C-alpha cells in the first residue's frame, strides 16, 4: 500500500505543479508580449510624429559641417532635444540617409542627432553624431522603413555600450513620395527587461509553491482512499442484483483502479443498452403515431372538373415531417390551393403540420357556405393561431395560399415567407415564367403581420407550380445548392402536357443533378393546369383529369 500512496502523491504533486506553472507562465508571457507590443506601437507613432516635423527639402540641403550652423539645423536639433526632455524613456532621436561612393562602398550618414536629454548636442559631447558622420550598417527594421516607406520598429531589444534599447523608424519622403532617409527613435528597454525578469521570478516562485501545495493536497486525498475491500464486495453484489443506481468512483490505474474501471464500464454498458432500447421504443411509437395522424389528415381529395388538371408529390425525410400541401374545390367553382413548410424535421414539425392540416379541413365547411370566395386573410388568421399554439413560437411555418376562380381564371394569392409560386405559360420555344412574389413574416410568431393579398389572371393552358424549399436546396453533383435559378430553367424547358406528368418531369430533372440522389429536407410540389375558363367554351375536346398522385418507382428509388 505504501507504493500506491507514493505514486499518488507524486502524480498529484507533479500535475498541480505543472498546471500552476503553465498558468502563471502563460499569463506572464502574455503580459510581456503586450508590454513589448505597446512599446513598439509607441515607437512607431513617435517616429512618425517626429518625421512630420522634418522639412525634407531643408533636410536635403544639409550636406557639410558648415551647414550645422544654419538656422534650420539648430531649430531641428532643438525640436528633437525638447522631445527627449519631455519623455525620459527616449534615449536618442536622429535622422540617417543613404550615401554612395564612399571609398567605393555604399553606406549611411547622420544628418540630425538630438543626442540625449542628459547630454544635449555640443562640441564636447562624444555621444553626439555630427552631420556627415558615417554609419555603415542598418538593422532589418531600419532597412524595411527605408525600402518600403512604412514606419516600423525592432522586434527585439539590443544591448550596446549605452545599455538595453529598442528602436523604431519612420521614412522621410520628399514631395514626390520618394524615401530619402529615415528618422530613428531609440527607447530604453528597461521596462521589457524588468517584465522578463518578473516572468522568471514568478515562474520559479510558482513552481516552489505549487510543489508544496501538491504535497499537502496529496496527503489529504490519500486519507480518503483507504476503503476496505468489503465496500468493493458490496458494490459487486448490488450490480449482480441489477442495481445500477450506485456508481463506483473511478480511480487511477492502480490496484484498485483496474477493478473499479471494469465495474464502471460494465455499468455504463448496461445502462446505455437499456436506455437505447427505451429511447428506440419511444421513438418508434412516436413516429408511428405521427405517421398515422399525417396519413389521416394528408389525404388528397378527388377533383372532377374538365377545365383543370392537378398533380402533386410529397416526400418526408423521416417518414414524418413539416411539409404540407393541399387543395379543395368549393362550390364546384373556387379551387383553394396551399403549400406550407414547418421549420424543422421529425415529430415536432409533423405535429404542427398535422394541426394546420386539421384546421384547413374544418375551414372547408366554411368555404362551402361562403357567398363568394372565402377570405384568404381569415384563413391566415386561423392558421396563425393554430401554429402559434401547436409550435409555441419555436416551430414557425412558411405558406403560399391561393384561390382560383375557375369561371374566369382570376387568382387571388398571398405568401408568408414561402418560395414564390410560378405561373408557366406557353411560348414559342420555351415556357414563359411569372413569379407570384408577395411575402411577409413567418406564420407562428407573436409578431406576425398580415401579408398583402395580390391578384393575377390565368390564360388558357397556364400552369401554377407551388413547391417547398426541399425541391431546390438539395446539393448538386458539385456539392453546391441546386438553387432557384436552375429550377426556373428546368420549368421553362418542360415538355409534358398533363399536370402530373409535368410534376414527374420536374422531379426527374432535379434528381439527375442531385448529389448521390440524396434528400436532406422534406419536399413537396403541387401543379395545377388551367385548361380554359368555365365561362368560355373549350378550344378542343375536354380532357378527363387523372388524379393518380403516385410517383414512378424510379423517382422514389433515386430520391
Protein backbone atom coordinates (compact mmCIF):
# COMPACT_ATOMS: atom_id res chain seq x y z
CA UNK A 1 0.00 0.00 0.00
CA UNK A 2 2.98 2.27 0.53
CA UNK A 3 3.86 2.25 -3.17
CA UNK A 4 0.29 3.25 -4.04
CA UNK A 5 0.46 6.25 -1.71
CA UNK A 6 3.83 7.28 -3.08
CA UNK A 7 2.65 7.11 -6.69
CA UNK A 8 -0.49 9.08 -5.93
CA UNK A 9 1.44 11.76 -4.08
CA UNK A 10 3.97 12.05 -6.91
CA UNK A 11 1.34 12.28 -9.63
CA UNK A 12 -0.83 14.77 -7.75
CA UNK A 13 2.12 16.98 -6.88
CA UNK A 14 3.52 16.86 -10.42
CA UNK A 15 0.14 17.60 -12.02
CA UNK A 16 -0.64 20.53 -9.75
CA UNK A 17 2.88 21.92 -10.12
CA UNK A 18 2.71 21.70 -13.89
CA UNK A 19 -0.79 23.23 -14.08
CA UNK A 20 0.03 26.19 -11.85
CA UNK A 21 3.37 26.76 -13.56
CA UNK A 22 1.84 26.72 -17.03
CA UNK A 23 -0.94 29.08 -15.96
CA UNK A 24 1.49 31.56 -14.39
CA UNK A 25 3.94 31.32 -17.29
CA UNK A 26 1.18 31.83 -19.86
CA UNK A 27 -0.13 34.89 -18.06
CA UNK A 28 3.37 36.34 -17.64
CA UNK A 29 4.36 35.74 -21.25
CA UNK A 30 1.14 37.36 -22.46
CA UNK A 31 1.86 40.37 -20.24
CA UNK A 32 5.42 40.53 -21.58
CA UNK A 33 4.26 40.40 -25.19
CA UNK A 34 1.61 43.07 -24.59
CA UNK A 35 4.21 45.32 -22.96
CA UNK A 36 6.52 44.81 -25.92
CA UNK A 37 3.71 45.45 -28.42
CA UNK A 38 2.75 48.67 -26.61
CA UNK A 39 6.35 49.90 -26.70
CA UNK A 40 6.63 49.08 -30.42
CA UNK A 41 3.39 50.92 -31.09
CA UNK A 42 4.64 53.93 -29.15
CA UNK A 43 7.93 53.87 -31.10
CA UNK A 44 6.16 53.75 -34.47
CA UNK A 45 3.76 56.55 -33.51
CA UNK A 46 6.55 58.72 -32.07
CA UNK A 47 8.86 58.17 -35.04
CA UNK A 48 6.04 59.01 -37.47
CA UNK A 49 5.13 62.15 -35.50
CA UNK A 50 8.76 63.33 -35.37
CA UNK A 51 9.20 62.65 -39.08
CA UNK A 52 6.33 65.03 -39.79
CA UNK A 53 8.31 67.80 -38.03
CA UNK A 54 11.15 67.46 -40.55
CA UNK A 55 11.15 69.76 -43.60
CA UNK A 56 12.53 67.28 -46.12
CA UNK A 57 13.58 69.97 -48.63
CA UNK A 58 15.59 71.81 -45.98
CA UNK A 59 16.85 68.49 -44.63
CA UNK A 60 18.31 67.66 -48.06
CA UNK A 61 20.23 70.96 -48.12
CA UNK A 62 22.24 69.90 -45.06
CA UNK A 63 25.41 68.48 -46.68
CA UNK A 64 28.59 69.76 -44.98
CA UNK A 65 29.70 70.56 -41.46
CA UNK A 66 29.25 74.28 -42.23
CA UNK A 67 25.50 73.63 -42.54
CA UNK A 68 25.42 72.76 -38.83
CA UNK A 69 25.45 76.48 -38.11
CA UNK A 70 22.31 77.08 -40.22
CA UNK A 71 19.08 78.18 -38.58
CA UNK A 72 17.19 75.11 -39.82
CA UNK A 73 19.77 72.74 -38.36
CA UNK A 74 19.70 74.46 -34.96
CA UNK A 75 15.90 74.62 -34.96
CA UNK A 76 15.55 70.92 -35.83
CA UNK A 77 18.06 69.88 -33.15
CA UNK A 78 16.12 71.98 -30.60
CA UNK A 79 12.83 70.24 -31.51
CA UNK A 80 14.33 66.77 -31.16
CA UNK A 81 16.04 67.67 -27.88
CA UNK A 82 12.77 69.02 -26.43
CA UNK A 83 11.08 65.70 -27.21
CA UNK A 84 13.89 63.91 -25.38
CA UNK A 85 13.48 66.11 -22.31
CA UNK A 86 9.70 65.54 -22.16
CA UNK A 87 9.94 61.74 -22.31
CA UNK A 88 12.73 60.26 -20.17
CA UNK A 89 12.21 56.78 -21.68
CA UNK A 90 13.51 58.02 -25.07
CA UNK A 91 17.29 57.97 -25.31
CA UNK A 92 18.07 59.10 -28.87
CA UNK A 93 16.35 60.71 -31.87
CA UNK A 94 18.27 61.07 -35.13
CA UNK A 95 17.98 61.05 -38.94
CA UNK A 96 20.02 59.00 -41.42
CA UNK A 97 20.21 58.94 -45.17
CA UNK A 98 21.96 56.62 -47.66
CA UNK A 99 25.11 57.75 -49.45
CA UNK A 100 27.01 56.32 -52.41
CA UNK A 101 30.62 56.27 -53.41
CA UNK A 102 32.34 56.39 -50.06
CA UNK A 103 35.58 54.54 -50.80
CA UNK A 104 33.67 52.58 -53.39
CA UNK A 105 31.11 51.31 -50.86
CA UNK A 106 27.50 52.22 -50.08
CA UNK A 107 26.79 53.49 -46.59
CA UNK A 108 24.72 55.86 -44.49
CA UNK A 109 25.40 59.18 -42.82
CA UNK A 110 23.89 61.05 -39.88
CA UNK A 111 22.12 64.33 -40.60
CA UNK A 112 20.33 65.35 -37.38
CA UNK A 113 21.09 63.98 -33.91
CA UNK A 114 19.23 65.12 -30.81
CA UNK A 115 21.80 63.25 -28.65
CA UNK A 116 20.12 62.72 -25.27
CA UNK A 117 18.28 64.81 -22.70
CA UNK A 118 21.18 64.42 -20.25
CA UNK A 119 23.82 65.21 -22.88
CA UNK A 120 22.46 67.63 -25.49
CA UNK A 121 24.42 68.25 -28.72
CA UNK A 122 27.67 70.10 -28.17
CA UNK A 123 31.27 70.06 -29.35
CA UNK A 124 32.34 68.27 -26.15
CA UNK A 125 29.64 65.59 -26.32
CA UNK A 126 31.17 62.34 -27.60
CA UNK A 127 27.70 60.79 -27.59
CA UNK A 128 26.68 63.04 -30.43
CA UNK A 129 26.80 62.30 -34.17
CA UNK A 130 27.61 65.31 -36.30
CA UNK A 131 26.34 65.97 -39.82
CA UNK A 132 28.10 63.59 -42.19
CA UNK A 133 29.26 61.05 -39.58
CA UNK A 134 29.36 57.58 -41.13
CA UNK A 135 27.05 54.71 -40.12
CA UNK A 136 27.84 51.55 -42.04
CA UNK A 137 25.12 49.04 -41.15
CA UNK A 138 21.38 49.44 -40.55
CA UNK A 139 19.14 46.96 -38.76
CA UNK A 140 16.48 45.00 -40.65
CA UNK A 141 13.71 47.24 -39.30
CA UNK A 142 15.56 50.39 -40.41
CA UNK A 143 16.16 48.92 -43.87
CA UNK A 144 12.48 47.99 -44.07
CA UNK A 145 11.41 51.58 -43.36
CA UNK A 146 13.90 52.83 -45.97
CA UNK A 147 12.79 50.38 -48.66
CA UNK A 148 9.03 50.13 -48.08
CA UNK A 149 8.32 53.68 -46.94
CA UNK A 150 6.37 52.43 -43.89
CA UNK A 151 7.13 53.12 -40.23
CA UNK A 152 8.28 50.08 -38.28
CA UNK A 153 10.01 49.01 -35.06
CA UNK A 154 12.54 46.41 -33.92
CA UNK A 155 11.23 43.03 -32.78
CA UNK A 156 14.00 42.57 -30.22
CA UNK A 157 15.83 44.84 -27.86
CA UNK A 158 19.61 45.23 -28.24
CA UNK A 159 22.49 45.78 -25.86
CA UNK A 160 25.24 48.27 -26.65
CA UNK A 161 27.65 50.48 -24.71
CA UNK A 162 24.73 52.65 -23.59
CA UNK A 163 22.55 49.83 -22.28
CA UNK A 164 19.45 47.96 -23.49
CA UNK A 165 17.41 49.78 -26.15
CA UNK A 166 14.67 49.08 -28.69
CA UNK A 167 14.29 51.25 -31.80
CA UNK A 168 11.57 52.48 -34.15
CA UNK A 169 11.92 54.08 -37.59
CA UNK A 170 9.82 56.29 -39.86
CA UNK A 171 10.63 57.15 -43.52
CA UNK A 172 11.42 60.72 -44.67
CA UNK A 173 9.71 61.36 -48.02
CA UNK A 174 10.07 64.23 -50.50
CA UNK A 175 7.15 65.85 -52.32
CA UNK A 176 7.08 63.06 -54.93
CA UNK A 177 6.79 60.44 -52.19
CA UNK A 178 10.34 59.17 -52.64
CA UNK A 179 12.07 57.97 -49.47
CA UNK A 180 15.29 59.99 -48.98
CA UNK A 181 16.09 58.85 -45.44
CA UNK A 182 14.76 57.67 -42.09
CA UNK A 183 14.16 59.08 -38.63
CA UNK A 184 15.12 56.77 -35.79
CA UNK A 185 13.97 56.73 -32.16
CA UNK A 186 15.85 54.66 -29.54
CA UNK A 187 13.90 53.89 -26.38
CA UNK A 188 15.27 52.38 -23.18
CA UNK A 189 14.22 48.73 -22.90
CA UNK A 190 14.24 48.82 -19.12
CA UNK A 191 10.51 48.00 -18.86
CA UNK A 192 10.92 44.99 -21.12
CA UNK A 193 13.86 43.59 -19.18
CA UNK A 194 12.09 44.15 -15.89
CA UNK A 195 9.00 42.38 -17.23
CA UNK A 196 11.11 39.43 -18.40
CA UNK A 197 12.89 39.20 -15.06
CA UNK A 198 9.49 39.30 -13.33
CA UNK A 199 8.30 36.41 -15.52
CA UNK A 200 11.26 34.28 -14.49
CA UNK A 201 10.88 35.18 -10.82
CA UNK A 202 7.14 34.42 -10.81
CA UNK A 203 7.74 31.11 -12.60
CA UNK A 204 10.34 29.99 -10.05
CA UNK A 205 8.16 31.05 -7.12
CA UNK A 206 5.08 29.35 -8.56
CA UNK A 207 6.93 26.05 -9.04
CA UNK A 208 8.03 26.02 -5.40
CA UNK A 209 4.59 26.96 -4.06
CA UNK A 210 2.81 24.51 -6.37
CA UNK A 211 5.09 21.69 -5.27
CA UNK A 212 4.41 22.38 -1.59
CA UNK A 213 0.67 22.70 -2.21
CA UNK A 214 0.69 19.48 -4.25
CA UNK A 215 2.28 17.52 -1.43
CA UNK A 216 -0.21 18.84 1.09
CA UNK A 217 -3.16 18.11 -1.21
CA UNK A 218 -1.87 14.62 -1.98
CA UNK A 219 -1.78 13.81 1.71
CA UNK A 220 -5.39 14.93 2.06
CA UNK A 221 -6.51 12.81 -0.91
CA UNK A 222 -4.76 9.70 0.33
CA UNK A 223 -6.76 9.91 3.54
CA UNK A 224 -9.93 9.17 1.52
CA UNK A 225 -8.51 6.14 -0.33
CA UNK A 226 -8.39 3.56 2.45
CA UNK A 227 -11.77 1.98 1.80
CA UNK A 228 -11.97 -1.65 2.91
CA UNK A 229 -12.36 -4.47 0.45
CA UNK A 230 -15.80 -5.02 1.89
CA UNK A 231 -17.03 -1.89 0.05
CA UNK A 232 -15.91 -3.39 -3.26
CA UNK A 233 -17.64 -6.68 -2.40
CA UNK A 234 -20.88 -4.86 -1.54
CA UNK A 235 -20.76 -2.92 -4.84
CA UNK A 236 -20.29 -6.15 -6.81
CA UNK A 237 -23.27 -7.71 -5.05
CA UNK A 238 -25.52 -4.74 -5.92
CA UNK A 239 -24.53 -4.91 -9.59
CA UNK A 240 -25.20 -8.69 -9.66
CA UNK A 241 -28.74 -7.99 -8.48
CA UNK A 242 -29.24 -5.38 -11.20
CA UNK A 243 -28.87 -2.28 -9.02
CA UNK A 244 -27.11 0.29 -11.23
CA UNK A 245 -28.10 3.33 -9.19
CA UNK A 246 -24.85 3.48 -7.17
CA UNK A 247 -21.84 4.13 -9.45
CA UNK A 248 -18.33 3.46 -8.18
CA UNK A 249 -15.95 6.40 -8.29
CA UNK A 250 -13.27 5.75 -10.89
CA UNK A 251 -9.62 5.64 -9.82
CA UNK A 252 -6.24 5.89 -11.50
CA UNK A 253 -4.73 2.74 -12.97
CA UNK A 254 -3.51 1.11 -9.76
CA UNK A 255 -4.50 -1.99 -7.78
CA UNK A 256 -7.99 -0.67 -7.07
CA UNK A 257 -8.38 1.39 -10.23
CA UNK A 258 -8.28 -1.59 -12.59
CA UNK A 259 -11.10 -3.37 -10.76
CA UNK A 260 -13.18 -0.19 -10.44
CA UNK A 261 -12.72 0.53 -14.14
CA UNK A 262 -14.19 -2.86 -15.07
CA UNK A 263 -17.24 -2.25 -12.87
CA UNK A 264 -17.78 1.26 -14.25
CA UNK A 265 -17.56 0.09 -17.88
CA UNK A 266 -19.94 -2.77 -17.19
CA UNK A 267 -22.48 -0.47 -15.52
CA UNK A 268 -22.16 2.13 -18.30
CA UNK A 269 -22.64 -0.53 -20.99
CA UNK A 270 -25.73 -1.98 -19.33
CA UNK A 271 -27.19 1.49 -18.71
CA UNK A 272 -26.60 2.59 -22.32
CA UNK A 273 -28.13 -0.57 -23.73
CA UNK A 274 -31.18 -0.24 -21.53
CA UNK A 275 -31.61 3.46 -22.36
CA UNK A 276 -31.09 2.82 -26.09
CA UNK A 277 -33.86 0.23 -26.10
CA UNK A 278 -36.20 2.55 -24.21
CA UNK A 279 -35.43 5.50 -26.50
CA UNK A 280 -35.86 3.41 -29.63
CA UNK A 281 -39.18 2.05 -28.46
CA UNK A 282 -40.37 5.54 -27.57
CA UNK A 283 -39.21 6.99 -30.89
CA UNK A 284 -40.79 4.17 -32.91
CA UNK A 285 -44.04 4.70 -31.05
CA UNK A 286 -43.97 8.48 -31.62
CA UNK A 287 -43.12 8.10 -35.31
CA UNK A 288 -45.88 5.53 -35.79
CA UNK A 289 -48.43 7.82 -34.12
CA UNK A 290 -47.26 10.87 -36.09
CA UNK A 291 -47.27 8.95 -39.36
CA UNK A 292 -50.76 7.64 -38.64
CA UNK A 293 -52.06 11.13 -37.88
CA UNK A 294 -50.47 12.59 -41.00
CA UNK A 295 -51.84 9.77 -43.12
CA UNK A 296 -55.35 10.57 -41.93
CA UNK A 297 -55.04 14.33 -42.42
CA UNK A 298 -52.86 14.47 -45.55
CA UNK A 299 -55.28 12.82 -47.97
CA UNK A 300 -55.75 14.25 -51.47
CA UNK A 301 -59.34 14.72 -52.49
CA UNK A 302 -60.80 13.84 -55.89
CA UNK A 303 -61.46 16.90 -58.06
CA UNK A 304 -63.70 16.30 -61.04
CA UNK A 305 -63.56 19.34 -63.35
CA UNK A 306 -62.88 19.15 -67.08
CA UNK A 307 -61.12 22.51 -67.33
CA UNK A 308 -58.31 21.80 -64.83
CA UNK A 309 -55.64 19.19 -64.07
CA UNK A 310 -53.82 18.72 -60.76
CA UNK A 311 -50.61 16.83 -59.98
CA UNK A 312 -48.70 16.59 -56.71
CA UNK A 313 -45.80 14.91 -54.88
CA UNK A 314 -44.63 14.89 -51.24
CA UNK A 315 -41.60 13.15 -49.71
CA UNK A 316 -40.71 13.23 -45.98
CA UNK A 317 -37.11 12.67 -44.87
CA UNK A 318 -38.02 10.69 -41.74
CA UNK A 319 -41.40 9.30 -42.73
CA UNK A 320 -42.96 12.29 -40.97
CA UNK A 321 -42.15 15.94 -41.42
CA UNK A 322 -43.21 19.55 -41.65
CA UNK A 323 -44.21 19.82 -45.31
CA UNK A 324 -47.90 20.09 -46.10
CA UNK A 325 -49.73 20.71 -49.36
CA UNK A 326 -53.44 20.50 -50.14
CA UNK A 327 -56.23 21.75 -52.37
CA UNK A 328 -60.01 21.93 -52.15
CA UNK A 329 -62.69 22.70 -54.73
CA UNK A 330 -65.53 24.66 -53.13
CA UNK A 331 -68.96 25.02 -54.75
CA UNK A 332 -67.65 23.48 -58.00
CA UNK A 333 -66.01 26.84 -58.81
CA UNK A 334 -63.38 28.05 -56.33
CA UNK A 335 -60.19 25.98 -56.13
CA UNK A 336 -58.17 26.63 -52.94
CA UNK A 337 -54.51 25.51 -53.02
CA UNK A 338 -51.92 25.70 -50.24
CA UNK A 339 -48.27 24.68 -49.89
CA UNK A 340 -46.57 25.03 -46.47
CA UNK A 341 -43.34 24.11 -44.70
CA UNK A 342 -42.81 23.97 -40.93
CA UNK A 343 -39.24 24.87 -39.94
CA UNK A 344 -37.53 21.70 -38.69
CA UNK A 345 -37.95 17.94 -39.08
CA UNK A 346 -39.35 14.94 -37.28
CA UNK A 347 -42.17 14.63 -34.81
CA UNK A 348 -42.39 18.28 -33.56
CA UNK A 349 -42.72 19.61 -37.11
CA UNK A 350 -45.13 16.82 -38.00
CA UNK A 351 -47.36 17.79 -35.06
CA UNK A 352 -47.53 21.41 -36.21
CA UNK A 353 -48.17 20.39 -39.82
CA UNK A 354 -50.89 17.99 -38.72
CA UNK A 355 -52.56 20.70 -36.62
CA UNK A 356 -52.58 23.04 -39.62
CA UNK A 357 -53.98 20.29 -41.84
CA UNK A 358 -56.80 19.71 -39.35
CA UNK A 359 -57.52 23.44 -39.28
CA UNK A 360 -57.78 23.50 -43.07
CA UNK A 361 -60.16 20.54 -43.01
CA UNK A 362 -62.54 22.44 -40.70
CA UNK A 363 -62.29 25.53 -42.91
CA UNK A 364 -63.64 23.55 -45.87
CA UNK A 365 -67.16 23.70 -44.42
CA UNK A 366 -66.96 27.49 -44.19
CA UNK A 367 -65.58 27.68 -47.76
CA UNK A 368 -68.67 25.79 -48.96
CA UNK A 369 -71.08 28.14 -47.17
CA UNK A 370 -69.35 31.41 -48.12
CA UNK A 371 -71.33 33.58 -50.61
CA UNK A 372 -68.25 34.02 -52.81
CA UNK A 373 -64.52 33.45 -52.40
CA UNK A 374 -63.73 32.73 -48.79
CA UNK A 375 -61.49 35.45 -47.31
CA UNK A 376 -57.81 34.41 -47.56
CA UNK A 377 -56.97 36.78 -44.72
CA UNK A 378 -59.31 34.88 -42.41
CA UNK A 379 -57.66 31.59 -43.40
CA UNK A 380 -54.25 33.03 -42.49
CA UNK A 381 -55.52 34.29 -39.13
CA UNK A 382 -56.90 30.84 -38.27
CA UNK A 383 -53.68 29.08 -39.27
CA UNK A 384 -51.55 31.65 -37.39
CA UNK A 385 -53.44 30.83 -34.19
CA UNK A 386 -53.02 27.08 -34.73
CA UNK A 387 -49.25 27.28 -35.48
CA UNK A 388 -48.63 29.61 -32.53
CA UNK A 389 -50.50 27.25 -30.21
CA UNK A 390 -49.02 23.98 -31.52
CA UNK A 391 -45.46 25.23 -32.04
CA UNK A 392 -45.33 27.60 -29.03
CA UNK A 393 -43.33 30.07 -31.10
CA UNK A 394 -40.47 27.58 -31.67
CA UNK A 395 -41.71 25.96 -34.91
CA UNK A 396 -42.83 28.71 -37.33
CA UNK A 397 -44.13 27.92 -40.81
CA UNK A 398 -43.92 29.35 -44.31
CA UNK A 399 -47.00 29.11 -46.54
CA UNK A 400 -48.20 30.00 -50.03
CA UNK A 401 -52.00 30.23 -50.31
CA UNK A 402 -54.15 30.93 -53.37
CA UNK A 403 -57.68 30.52 -54.69
CA UNK A 404 -58.58 30.22 -58.39
CA UNK A 405 -61.98 31.31 -59.70
CA UNK A 406 -62.46 28.63 -62.37
CA UNK A 407 -65.18 30.74 -64.00
CA UNK A 408 -62.79 33.42 -65.29
CA UNK A 409 -59.28 32.27 -64.24
CA UNK A 410 -58.72 35.05 -61.69
CA UNK A 411 -56.22 34.03 -58.98
CA UNK A 412 -56.01 35.65 -55.54
CA UNK A 413 -52.83 34.71 -53.70
CA UNK A 414 -50.61 35.55 -50.74
CA UNK A 415 -47.34 34.27 -49.28
CA UNK A 416 -45.86 34.15 -45.79
CA UNK A 417 -42.06 33.91 -46.24
CA UNK A 418 -42.61 31.00 -48.68
CA UNK A 419 -40.91 30.50 -52.07
CA UNK A 420 -42.92 32.29 -54.76
CA UNK A 421 -45.20 30.07 -56.85
CA UNK A 422 -44.56 30.04 -60.62
CA UNK A 423 -47.02 30.52 -63.49
CA UNK A 424 -45.89 28.74 -66.68
CA UNK A 425 -47.35 29.98 -69.97
CA UNK A 426 -46.94 28.59 -73.46
CA UNK A 427 -44.17 30.23 -75.53
CA UNK A 428 -42.63 29.82 -78.96
CA UNK A 429 -39.60 27.76 -77.94
CA UNK A 430 -39.89 27.57 -74.14
CA UNK A 431 -42.42 28.29 -71.43
CA UNK A 432 -42.67 31.81 -70.04
CA UNK A 433 -42.37 32.13 -66.23
CA UNK A 434 -44.11 34.59 -63.92
CA UNK A 435 -43.27 34.65 -60.21
CA UNK A 436 -46.06 35.36 -57.74
CA UNK A 437 -43.97 37.37 -55.27
CA UNK A 438 -45.63 38.73 -52.14
CA UNK A 439 -44.03 37.98 -48.81
CA UNK A 440 -44.37 38.68 -45.08
CA UNK A 441 -43.31 37.23 -41.72
CA UNK A 442 -43.21 33.55 -40.82
CA UNK A 443 -46.50 32.20 -39.51
CA UNK A 444 -46.29 31.19 -35.85
CA UNK A 445 -44.56 34.22 -34.29
CA UNK A 446 -46.30 36.66 -31.95
CA UNK A 447 -45.14 39.49 -34.21
CA UNK A 448 -46.85 38.04 -37.31
CA UNK A 449 -48.27 40.71 -39.64
CA UNK A 450 -50.89 40.02 -42.28
CA UNK A 451 -49.38 39.83 -45.80
CA UNK A 452 -50.70 41.50 -48.92
CA UNK A 453 -53.39 39.77 -50.99
CA UNK A 454 -52.50 40.01 -54.71
CA UNK A 455 -54.35 39.08 -57.88
CA UNK A 456 -53.41 37.70 -61.31
CA UNK A 457 -55.38 36.16 -64.19
CA UNK A 458 -54.63 32.84 -65.86
CA UNK A 459 -54.69 32.22 -69.59
CA UNK A 460 -55.65 29.01 -71.31
CA UNK A 461 -53.20 26.14 -70.67
CA UNK A 462 -51.33 28.07 -67.95
CA UNK A 463 -49.71 26.07 -65.14
CA UNK A 464 -49.32 27.09 -61.48
CA UNK A 465 -46.37 25.36 -59.76
CA UNK A 466 -46.14 25.52 -55.93
CA UNK A 467 -43.27 23.90 -54.00
CA UNK A 468 -41.24 23.87 -50.75
CA UNK A 469 -37.54 24.68 -50.37
CA UNK A 470 -36.61 20.99 -50.20
CA UNK A 471 -37.04 20.93 -54.00
CA UNK A 472 -34.19 23.37 -54.77
CA UNK A 473 -31.98 23.26 -51.65
CA UNK A 474 -30.51 19.86 -52.47
CA UNK A 475 -26.79 19.55 -53.19
CA UNK A 476 -25.85 19.05 -56.84
CA UNK A 477 -23.10 16.76 -58.10
CA UNK A 478 -20.53 19.51 -57.39
CA UNK A 479 -21.63 19.83 -53.77
CA UNK A 480 -23.40 23.18 -54.33
CA UNK A 481 -27.03 24.06 -53.66
CA UNK A 482 -29.27 23.45 -56.65
CA UNK A 483 -30.89 26.90 -56.35
CA UNK A 484 -34.00 28.64 -57.68
CA UNK A 485 -32.22 29.80 -60.85
CA UNK A 486 -31.67 26.26 -62.12
CA UNK A 487 -35.17 25.28 -61.02
CA UNK A 488 -36.62 28.08 -63.19
CA UNK A 489 -34.54 26.91 -66.16
CA UNK A 490 -35.97 23.40 -65.74
CA UNK A 491 -39.51 24.80 -65.53
CA UNK A 492 -39.03 26.82 -68.73
CA UNK A 493 -37.87 23.71 -70.66
CA UNK A 494 -40.58 21.27 -69.55
CA UNK A 495 -42.42 19.50 -72.39
CA UNK A 496 -45.06 17.36 -70.67
CA UNK A 497 -48.71 18.30 -71.02
CA UNK A 498 -50.65 16.92 -68.04
CA UNK A 499 -50.13 18.33 -64.54
CA UNK A 500 -48.96 15.01 -63.06
CA UNK A 501 -46.57 14.38 -65.98
CA UNK A 502 -45.15 17.87 -65.55
CA UNK A 503 -44.65 17.16 -61.83
CA UNK A 504 -42.78 13.94 -62.72
CA UNK A 505 -40.63 15.73 -65.31
CA UNK A 506 -39.55 18.44 -62.83
CA UNK A 507 -38.57 15.84 -60.22
CA UNK A 508 -36.69 13.67 -62.73
CA UNK A 509 -34.59 16.60 -63.96
CA UNK A 510 -33.69 17.67 -60.42
CA UNK A 511 -32.84 14.11 -59.33
CA UNK A 512 -30.41 13.78 -62.26
CA UNK A 513 -28.38 16.71 -60.91
CA UNK A 514 -28.64 15.83 -57.20
CA UNK A 515 -25.54 14.59 -55.35
CA UNK A 516 -25.97 10.84 -54.70
CA UNK A 517 -29.72 11.43 -55.23
CA UNK A 518 -29.80 12.33 -51.53
CA UNK A 519 -32.74 14.17 -49.96
CA UNK A 520 -31.95 16.18 -46.79
CA UNK A 521 -35.23 18.07 -46.43
CA UNK A 522 -38.92 17.36 -46.84
CA UNK A 523 -40.02 18.03 -50.43
CA UNK A 524 -43.47 18.95 -51.76
CA UNK A 525 -44.71 20.10 -55.15
CA UNK A 526 -48.24 20.83 -56.44
CA UNK A 527 -49.01 21.57 -60.11
CA UNK A 528 -52.29 23.00 -61.49
CA UNK A 529 -53.00 23.17 -65.22
CA UNK A 530 -55.75 25.62 -66.14
CA UNK A 531 -57.20 24.50 -69.49
CA UNK A 532 -59.84 27.20 -70.00
CA UNK A 533 -62.35 29.32 -68.01
CA UNK A 534 -65.74 27.75 -67.33
CA UNK A 535 -67.40 30.86 -68.78
CA UNK A 536 -65.71 30.24 -72.14
CA UNK A 537 -66.11 27.21 -74.40
CA UNK A 538 -63.19 24.77 -74.61
CA UNK A 539 -60.92 25.20 -77.66
CA UNK A 540 -60.84 21.45 -78.09
CA UNK A 541 -62.30 18.32 -76.64
CA UNK A 542 -62.40 18.18 -72.86
CA UNK A 543 -59.70 16.14 -71.11
CA UNK A 544 -60.62 13.81 -68.29
CA UNK A 545 -58.20 14.51 -65.43
CA UNK A 546 -56.33 11.61 -63.88
CA UNK A 547 -55.56 12.38 -60.22
CA UNK A 548 -53.27 9.44 -59.58
CA UNK A 549 -50.77 11.04 -57.15
CA UNK A 550 -48.23 8.23 -57.12
CA UNK A 551 -44.67 8.80 -58.35
CA UNK A 552 -42.78 6.44 -60.65
CA UNK A 553 -40.74 3.82 -58.80
CA UNK A 554 -37.57 5.10 -60.49
CA UNK A 555 -38.09 8.54 -58.96
CA UNK A 556 -38.89 7.21 -55.50
CA UNK A 557 -35.86 4.92 -55.51
CA UNK A 558 -33.48 7.65 -56.61
CA UNK A 559 -34.81 10.12 -54.06
